[in-house]
Amino acid sequence: MTAVSASFGSAEALSASTDESLRLWDLHEGTCVITLAGQCDAVVTDFGARQALSGGEDGRLRLWDLRTQCCVA
């Protein structure tokens, strides 16, 4: 794991991992509910907007829609 983004008052966290994935976690259940594929070393989230921004060593930023589980930019 290279990074984690969580928010107070949210039951979710998003992690970035060395296996080039992002994982959305349900903190109450302790389970992974979404896995997204894409190089990432850092991550920030807006859980209210259901979006995440990840960045990798390749210098690229990716904007993720957590509702559709797709990279949108």
Protein backbone atom coordinates (compact mmCIF):
# COMPACT_ATOMS: atom_id res chain seq x y z
CA MET A 1 0.00 0.00 0.00
CA THR A 2 1.39 3.38 -1.00
CA ALA A 3 -1.38 5.76 0.10
CA VAL A 4 -4.73 5.94 1.87
CA SER A 5 -7.45 8.58 1.68
CA ALA A 6 -10.22 8.66 4.27
CA SER A 7 -12.67 11.22 5.55
CA PHE A 8 -14.03 11.80 9.03
CA GLY A 9 -17.69 10.89 9.11
CA SER A 10 -17.36 8.52 6.17
CA ALA A 11 -17.45 4.76 6.45
CA GLU A 12 -15.11 4.45 3.45
CA ALA A 13 -11.43 4.69 2.64
CA LEU A 14 -9.57 4.49 -0.65
CA SER A 15 -6.14 2.89 -0.84
CA ALA A 16 -3.45 2.93 -3.53
CA SER A 17 -1.26 -0.12 -3.84
CA THR A 18 2.00 -1.26 -5.42
CA ASP A 19 0.03 -3.74 -7.55
CA GLU A 20 -1.24 -0.69 -9.51
CA SER A 21 -4.73 -0.74 -8.08
CA LEU A 22 -7.05 1.49 -6.10
CA ARG A 23 -9.35 -0.17 -3.61
CA LEU A 24 -12.43 1.31 -1.98
CA TRP A 25 -12.98 -0.13 1.50
CA ASP A 26 -16.11 -0.39 3.61
CA LEU A 27 -14.67 0.43 7.03
CA HIS A 28 -17.62 -1.00 8.96
CA GLU A 29 -17.38 -4.38 7.27
CA GLY A 30 -13.62 -4.34 6.65
CA THR A 31 -14.15 -5.41 3.05
CA CYS A 32 -13.01 -4.17 -0.34
CA VAL A 33 -16.08 -3.12 -2.34
CA ILE A 34 -14.43 -1.76 -5.51
CA THR A 35 -11.09 -2.42 -7.20
CA LEU A 36 -9.90 -0.03 -9.91
CA ALA A 37 -6.92 -0.79 -12.18
CA GLY A 38 -4.38 1.93 -12.88
CA GLN A 39 -0.92 2.97 -11.74
CA CYS A 40 -1.17 5.05 -8.61
CA ASP A 41 1.14 6.14 -5.84
CA ALA A 42 -1.01 8.86 -4.29
CA VAL A 43 -4.74 9.36 -3.96
CA VAL A 44 -7.23 11.97 -2.73
CA THR A 45 -10.99 11.59 -2.60
CA ASP A 46 -14.21 13.54 -2.45
CA PHE A 47 -16.55 10.90 -1.08
CA GLY A 48 -19.53 13.27 -1.30
CA ALA A 49 -18.99 13.73 -5.05
CA ARG A 50 -17.99 10.05 -5.41
CA GLN A 51 -14.72 11.03 -7.12
CA ALA A 52 -11.06 10.22 -6.59
CA LEU A 53 -7.86 11.64 -8.05
CA SER A 54 -4.82 9.40 -8.32
CA GLY A 55 -1.27 10.07 -9.42
CA GLY A 56 1.52 7.74 -10.43
CA GLU A 57 5.25 7.76 -10.98
CA ASP A 58 4.53 8.19 -14.68
CA GLY A 59 3.51 11.79 -13.88
CA ARG A 60 -0.10 11.27 -14.95
CA LEU A 61 -3.18 12.16 -12.91
CA ARG A 62 -6.37 10.16 -13.23
CA LEU A 63 -9.84 11.27 -12.18
CA TRP A 64 -12.09 8.39 -11.16
CA ASP A 65 -15.87 8.28 -10.90
CA LEU A 66 -16.55 5.93 -7.99
CA ARG A 67 -20.20 5.50 -9.04
CA THR A 68 -19.36 4.11 -12.50
CA GLN A 69 -15.94 2.75 -11.45
CA CYS A 70 -14.38 4.39 -14.54
CA CYS A 71 -11.44 6.67 -15.18
CA VAL A 72 -13.05 9.82 -16.61
CA ALA A 73 -9.96 11.96 -17.19
